[in-house]
Amino acid sequence: MSHFAPGHAAAWFEIPATGRNRSKKLYGAVPQNELADENAPNPMALFAVKDSKTGGTGHIHPGKPAPEGTGNTVHLAAPAPLDDAMNWVEENGGKVVSSIITISAGRFDPGGNSIGLFA
C-alpha cells in the first residue's frame, strides 16, 4: 500500500551534496524549509513536509553531484518573489546560472545540481 495520495507522480527525491551543513543552509534558506537531521542508514537532512499522506518529500545526502548540466533537475517551491529566492541562492553559497525563465508551468533556474525554483 502506498503512503502517497493517488495522482501524485513524485514520491521522493534525493539531492547528493558535499558539505552537509553548507547544503542544509542553502537548501533550507531558498525554499524557506528547515531540514531535519536523520541518520539512517546514511546521514541525511530531510525537507519538511506538511502532510506526508498527500505528497512526497526528499533529502540531501552525502554524495557527489553530477557534472554541471548532466544530472536531473529537482524543482523546489520558493516563496514569491522569485528574485528574492535567487538572491538567497547566492547568499547561501549557491550559483545562479540563468535569469528567470517563464514557462507554462512556472519559472526555473537550471544549473549545478540543477535546482529549479517555482513561485
N, C-alpha and C. Protein backbone atom coordinates (compact mmCIF):
# COMPACT_ATOMS: atom_id res chain seq x y z
N MET A 1 0.84 -1.18 0.00
CA MET A 1 0.00 0.00 0.00
C MET A 1 0.88 1.24 0.00
N SER A 2 0.57 2.17 -0.85
CA SER A 2 1.35 3.40 -0.98
C SER A 2 1.05 4.36 0.16
N HIS A 3 2.05 5.11 0.55
CA HIS A 3 1.87 6.14 1.58
C HIS A 3 1.52 7.49 0.97
N PHE A 4 1.36 7.55 -0.36
CA PHE A 4 1.11 8.81 -1.04
C PHE A 4 -0.25 8.79 -1.72
N ALA A 5 -0.83 9.96 -1.82
CA ALA A 5 -2.16 10.07 -2.42
C ALA A 5 -2.12 9.77 -3.91
N PRO A 6 -3.17 9.14 -4.44
CA PRO A 6 -3.24 8.89 -5.88
C PRO A 6 -3.14 10.21 -6.64
N GLY A 7 -2.53 10.15 -7.78
CA GLY A 7 -2.42 11.35 -8.61
C GLY A 7 -1.14 12.13 -8.41
N HIS A 8 -0.33 11.78 -7.42
CA HIS A 8 0.95 12.45 -7.21
C HIS A 8 2.05 11.61 -7.85
N ALA A 9 2.73 12.17 -8.82
CA ALA A 9 3.77 11.43 -9.51
C ALA A 9 5.05 11.33 -8.68
N ALA A 10 5.37 12.38 -7.94
CA ALA A 10 6.60 12.37 -7.16
C ALA A 10 6.36 11.74 -5.80
N ALA A 11 7.25 10.83 -5.44
CA ALA A 11 7.16 10.20 -4.12
C ALA A 11 8.31 10.64 -3.23
N TRP A 12 9.50 10.79 -3.81
CA TRP A 12 10.69 11.08 -3.02
C TRP A 12 11.77 11.62 -3.95
N PHE A 13 12.62 12.49 -3.45
CA PHE A 13 13.79 12.90 -4.23
C PHE A 13 15.01 12.92 -3.32
N GLU A 14 16.17 12.73 -3.92
CA GLU A 14 17.44 12.76 -3.21
C GLU A 14 18.39 13.70 -3.94
N ILE A 15 19.02 14.58 -3.19
CA ILE A 15 19.98 15.52 -3.76
C ILE A 15 21.35 15.21 -3.18
N PRO A 16 22.29 14.72 -4.01
CA PRO A 16 23.63 14.46 -3.49
C PRO A 16 24.33 15.78 -3.21
N ALA A 17 25.07 15.82 -2.12
CA ALA A 17 25.73 17.08 -1.75
C ALA A 17 27.00 16.77 -0.96
N THR A 18 27.99 17.62 -1.14
CA THR A 18 29.18 17.58 -0.30
C THR A 18 29.06 18.73 0.68
N GLY A 19 29.48 18.56 1.89
CA GLY A 19 29.35 19.62 2.90
C GLY A 19 27.93 19.70 3.43
N ARG A 20 27.59 18.81 4.34
CA ARG A 20 26.23 18.71 4.86
C ARG A 20 25.69 20.02 5.44
N ASN A 21 26.45 20.68 6.30
CA ASN A 21 25.97 21.91 6.92
C ASN A 21 25.76 23.03 5.91
N ARG A 22 26.70 23.16 4.96
CA ARG A 22 26.56 24.18 3.91
C ARG A 22 25.33 23.89 3.06
N SER A 23 25.14 22.62 2.72
CA SER A 23 24.00 22.23 1.89
C SER A 23 22.68 22.43 2.63
N LYS A 24 22.64 22.10 3.92
CA LYS A 24 21.43 22.34 4.71
C LYS A 24 21.09 23.82 4.72
N LYS A 25 22.09 24.67 4.84
CA LYS A 25 21.85 26.12 4.86
C LYS A 25 21.28 26.58 3.53
N LEU A 26 21.88 26.16 2.42
CA LEU A 26 21.40 26.55 1.10
C LEU A 26 20.00 26.03 0.83
N TYR A 27 19.80 24.71 0.98
CA TYR A 27 18.52 24.11 0.63
C TYR A 27 17.42 24.43 1.63
N GLY A 28 17.77 24.89 2.81
CA GLY A 28 16.77 25.34 3.77
C GLY A 28 16.36 26.78 3.53
N ALA A 29 17.33 27.63 3.18
CA ALA A 29 17.06 29.06 3.00
C ALA A 29 16.24 29.35 1.75
N VAL A 30 16.57 28.71 0.66
CA VAL A 30 15.94 29.06 -0.61
C VAL A 30 14.44 28.77 -0.61
N PRO A 31 13.99 27.55 -0.26
CA PRO A 31 12.54 27.33 -0.23
C PRO A 31 11.90 27.67 1.12
N GLN A 32 12.71 28.24 2.05
CA GLN A 32 12.21 28.56 3.39
C GLN A 32 11.66 27.31 4.06
N ASN A 33 12.49 26.26 4.10
CA ASN A 33 12.10 24.96 4.61
C ASN A 33 13.24 24.43 5.46
N GLU A 34 13.03 24.29 6.75
CA GLU A 34 14.09 23.84 7.64
C GLU A 34 14.27 22.33 7.53
N LEU A 35 15.50 21.90 7.26
CA LEU A 35 15.80 20.49 7.12
C LEU A 35 16.15 19.88 8.47
N ALA A 36 15.70 18.64 8.69
CA ALA A 36 15.95 17.94 9.94
C ALA A 36 16.96 16.82 9.72
N ASP A 37 17.92 16.71 10.64
CA ASP A 37 18.93 15.66 10.54
C ASP A 37 18.33 14.28 10.78
N GLU A 38 18.78 13.33 10.00
CA GLU A 38 18.36 11.93 10.10
C GLU A 38 19.60 11.08 9.87
N ASN A 39 19.77 10.03 10.59
CA ASN A 39 20.99 9.22 10.47
C ASN A 39 20.70 7.75 10.22
N ALA A 40 19.91 7.44 9.21
CA ALA A 40 19.65 6.03 8.91
C ALA A 40 19.33 5.86 7.43
N PRO A 41 19.97 5.00 6.70
CA PRO A 41 21.20 4.30 7.05
C PRO A 41 22.43 5.20 6.88
N ASN A 42 22.31 6.30 6.15
CA ASN A 42 23.38 7.28 6.00
C ASN A 42 22.93 8.61 6.58
N PRO A 43 23.89 9.45 6.97
CA PRO A 43 23.47 10.77 7.45
C PRO A 43 22.79 11.55 6.32
N MET A 44 21.67 12.15 6.61
CA MET A 44 20.94 12.94 5.62
C MET A 44 20.21 14.06 6.33
N ALA A 45 19.70 14.98 5.56
CA ALA A 45 18.88 16.07 6.08
C ALA A 45 17.58 16.08 5.29
N LEU A 46 16.47 15.89 5.99
CA LEU A 46 15.14 15.77 5.37
C LEU A 46 14.45 17.12 5.23
N PHE A 47 13.84 17.34 4.06
CA PHE A 47 12.99 18.51 3.87
C PHE A 47 11.70 18.29 4.66
N ALA A 48 11.17 19.33 5.26
CA ALA A 48 9.89 19.24 5.98
C ALA A 48 8.76 19.10 4.97
N VAL A 49 7.71 18.41 5.36
CA VAL A 49 6.52 18.27 4.53
C VAL A 49 5.31 18.45 5.44
N LYS A 50 4.30 19.18 4.96
CA LYS A 50 3.12 19.44 5.80
C LYS A 50 2.32 18.18 6.06
N ASP A 51 2.14 17.35 5.03
CA ASP A 51 1.29 16.17 5.18
C ASP A 51 1.85 15.05 4.31
N SER A 52 2.48 14.09 4.92
CA SER A 52 3.11 13.00 4.16
C SER A 52 2.10 12.12 3.44
N LYS A 53 0.82 12.27 3.73
CA LYS A 53 -0.20 11.47 3.05
C LYS A 53 -0.63 12.08 1.73
N THR A 54 -0.25 13.33 1.47
CA THR A 54 -0.69 13.97 0.23
C THR A 54 0.44 14.27 -0.72
N GLY A 55 1.64 13.92 -0.40
CA GLY A 55 2.73 14.17 -1.32
C GLY A 55 4.05 13.73 -0.74
N GLY A 56 5.05 13.77 -1.57
CA GLY A 56 6.36 13.31 -1.17
C GLY A 56 7.26 14.44 -0.71
N THR A 57 8.42 14.05 -0.27
CA THR A 57 9.45 14.99 0.13
C THR A 57 10.78 14.38 -0.26
N GLY A 58 11.84 14.87 0.30
CA GLY A 58 13.14 14.34 -0.05
C GLY A 58 14.19 14.74 0.96
N HIS A 59 15.44 14.52 0.57
CA HIS A 59 16.53 14.84 1.49
C HIS A 59 17.82 15.13 0.72
N ILE A 60 18.77 15.74 1.41
CA ILE A 60 20.12 15.83 0.88
C ILE A 60 20.91 14.72 1.58
N HIS A 61 21.89 14.18 0.87
CA HIS A 61 22.67 13.09 1.43
C HIS A 61 24.11 13.22 0.96
N PRO A 62 25.05 12.59 1.68
CA PRO A 62 26.44 12.67 1.25
C PRO A 62 26.59 12.01 -0.12
N GLY A 63 27.13 12.74 -1.06
CA GLY A 63 27.31 12.19 -2.39
C GLY A 63 27.90 13.24 -3.31
N LYS A 64 28.29 12.80 -4.46
CA LYS A 64 28.90 13.69 -5.44
C LYS A 64 27.85 14.09 -6.47
N PRO A 65 27.55 15.39 -6.58
CA PRO A 65 26.60 15.82 -7.61
C PRO A 65 27.11 15.47 -9.01
N ALA A 66 26.20 15.28 -9.93
CA ALA A 66 26.56 15.03 -11.33
C ALA A 66 27.28 16.26 -11.89
N PRO A 67 28.14 16.07 -12.88
CA PRO A 67 28.77 17.23 -13.51
C PRO A 67 27.70 18.21 -14.01
N GLU A 68 27.99 19.49 -13.92
CA GLU A 68 27.03 20.53 -14.29
C GLU A 68 26.42 20.27 -15.66
N GLY A 69 25.10 20.35 -15.69
CA GLY A 69 24.36 20.18 -16.93
C GLY A 69 24.07 18.73 -17.31
N THR A 70 24.41 17.76 -16.45
CA THR A 70 24.20 16.36 -16.82
C THR A 70 23.25 15.62 -15.89
N GLY A 71 22.93 16.16 -14.72
CA GLY A 71 22.08 15.47 -13.76
C GLY A 71 20.61 15.79 -13.94
N ASN A 72 19.80 15.20 -13.08
CA ASN A 72 18.37 15.50 -13.06
C ASN A 72 18.13 16.90 -12.53
N THR A 73 16.94 17.40 -12.73
CA THR A 73 16.54 18.68 -12.17
C THR A 73 15.48 18.45 -11.11
N VAL A 74 15.68 19.00 -9.93
CA VAL A 74 14.70 18.97 -8.86
C VAL A 74 14.13 20.38 -8.76
N HIS A 75 12.82 20.51 -8.74
CA HIS A 75 12.18 21.81 -8.63
C HIS A 75 11.65 21.99 -7.22
N LEU A 76 12.08 23.05 -6.56
CA LEU A 76 11.66 23.34 -5.19
C LEU A 76 10.70 24.53 -5.19
N ALA A 77 9.68 24.48 -4.35
CA ALA A 77 8.78 25.60 -4.20
C ALA A 77 9.51 26.72 -3.47
N ALA A 78 9.42 27.91 -3.98
CA ALA A 78 10.08 29.07 -3.37
C ALA A 78 9.04 30.14 -3.13
N PRO A 79 9.16 30.83 -1.99
CA PRO A 79 8.22 31.93 -1.75
C PRO A 79 8.43 33.05 -2.77
N ALA A 80 7.34 33.64 -3.21
CA ALA A 80 7.43 34.75 -4.15
C ALA A 80 7.92 35.99 -3.41
N PRO A 81 8.61 36.92 -3.99
CA PRO A 81 9.01 36.91 -5.39
C PRO A 81 10.24 36.04 -5.63
N LEU A 82 10.30 35.47 -6.81
CA LEU A 82 11.37 34.55 -7.17
C LEU A 82 12.73 35.23 -7.16
N ASP A 83 12.78 36.52 -7.46
CA ASP A 83 14.05 37.27 -7.41
C ASP A 83 14.69 37.15 -6.03
N ASP A 84 13.90 37.23 -4.97
CA ASP A 84 14.43 37.09 -3.61
C ASP A 84 15.02 35.70 -3.40
N ALA A 85 14.32 34.67 -3.86
CA ALA A 85 14.81 33.31 -3.70
C ALA A 85 16.13 33.13 -4.44
N MET A 86 16.26 33.73 -5.61
CA MET A 86 17.52 33.63 -6.35
C MET A 86 18.65 34.34 -5.61
N ASN A 87 18.32 35.44 -4.94
CA ASN A 87 19.33 36.11 -4.11
C ASN A 87 19.76 35.21 -2.96
N TRP A 88 18.80 34.48 -2.36
CA TRP A 88 19.12 33.57 -1.26
C TRP A 88 20.05 32.46 -1.72
N VAL A 89 19.92 32.05 -3.00
CA VAL A 89 20.82 31.04 -3.56
C VAL A 89 22.26 31.51 -3.42
N GLU A 90 22.52 32.73 -3.91
CA GLU A 90 23.89 33.26 -3.86
C GLU A 90 24.34 33.55 -2.44
N GLU A 91 23.46 34.08 -1.60
CA GLU A 91 23.83 34.40 -0.22
C GLU A 91 24.17 33.15 0.59
N ASN A 92 23.71 31.99 0.14
CA ASN A 92 23.94 30.75 0.88
C ASN A 92 24.87 29.78 0.15
N GLY A 93 25.70 30.32 -0.73
CA GLY A 93 26.75 29.52 -1.36
C GLY A 93 26.41 28.87 -2.67
N GLY A 94 25.22 29.09 -3.19
CA GLY A 94 24.87 28.53 -4.50
C GLY A 94 25.26 29.48 -5.62
N LYS A 95 25.01 29.08 -6.84
CA LYS A 95 25.37 29.87 -8.02
C LYS A 95 24.15 29.95 -8.93
N VAL A 96 23.71 31.16 -9.24
CA VAL A 96 22.62 31.36 -10.19
C VAL A 96 23.24 31.35 -11.59
N VAL A 97 22.78 30.48 -12.45
CA VAL A 97 23.38 30.34 -13.77
C VAL A 97 22.48 30.82 -14.90
N SER A 98 21.30 31.31 -14.56
CA SER A 98 20.36 31.76 -15.58
C SER A 98 19.45 32.81 -14.97
N SER A 99 19.01 33.72 -15.81
CA SER A 99 17.96 34.64 -15.36
C SER A 99 16.66 33.86 -15.26
N ILE A 100 15.63 34.48 -14.73
CA ILE A 100 14.33 33.82 -14.61
C ILE A 100 13.79 33.55 -16.01
N ILE A 101 13.32 32.32 -16.20
CA ILE A 101 12.75 31.91 -17.47
C ILE A 101 11.28 31.58 -17.22
N THR A 102 10.38 32.18 -17.98
CA THR A 102 8.95 31.91 -17.82
C THR A 102 8.56 30.76 -18.73
N ILE A 103 7.93 29.73 -18.14
CA ILE A 103 7.40 28.60 -18.90
C ILE A 103 5.95 28.43 -18.49
N SER A 104 5.22 27.58 -19.19
CA SER A 104 3.78 27.48 -18.91
C SER A 104 3.49 27.02 -17.50
N ALA A 105 4.34 26.18 -16.90
CA ALA A 105 4.06 25.66 -15.56
C ALA A 105 4.70 26.47 -14.46
N GLY A 106 5.53 27.44 -14.78
CA GLY A 106 6.22 28.22 -13.76
C GLY A 106 7.50 28.81 -14.32
N ARG A 107 8.50 29.03 -13.46
CA ARG A 107 9.79 29.55 -13.89
C ARG A 107 10.87 28.70 -13.26
N PHE A 108 12.05 28.63 -13.91
CA PHE A 108 13.09 27.80 -13.34
C PHE A 108 14.47 28.38 -13.57
N ASP A 109 15.43 27.87 -12.81
CA ASP A 109 16.83 28.28 -12.88
C ASP A 109 17.70 27.03 -12.93
N PRO A 110 18.12 26.58 -14.14
CA PRO A 110 18.91 25.37 -14.22
C PRO A 110 20.37 25.60 -13.88
N GLY A 111 21.06 24.58 -13.34
CA GLY A 111 22.50 24.68 -13.11
C GLY A 111 22.96 23.84 -11.95
N GLY A 112 24.24 23.52 -11.91
CA GLY A 112 24.83 22.74 -10.81
C GLY A 112 24.09 21.44 -10.63
N ASN A 113 23.50 21.24 -9.46
CA ASN A 113 22.65 20.08 -9.23
C ASN A 113 21.34 20.28 -9.96
N SER A 114 21.21 21.40 -10.61
CA SER A 114 20.04 21.81 -11.36
C SER A 114 18.80 21.82 -10.48
N ILE A 115 18.69 22.85 -9.67
CA ILE A 115 17.55 23.05 -8.80
C ILE A 115 16.69 24.15 -9.40
N GLY A 116 15.47 23.84 -9.75
CA GLY A 116 14.55 24.83 -10.26
C GLY A 116 13.76 25.43 -9.10
N LEU A 117 13.38 26.68 -9.21
CA LEU A 117 12.58 27.36 -8.19
C LEU A 117 11.24 27.76 -8.80
N PHE A 118 10.15 27.41 -8.15
CA PHE A 118 8.82 27.79 -8.62
C PHE A 118 8.14 28.65 -7.58
N ALA A 119 7.56 29.74 -8.02
CA ALA A 119 6.83 30.63 -7.11
C ALA A 119 5.39 30.72 -7.57
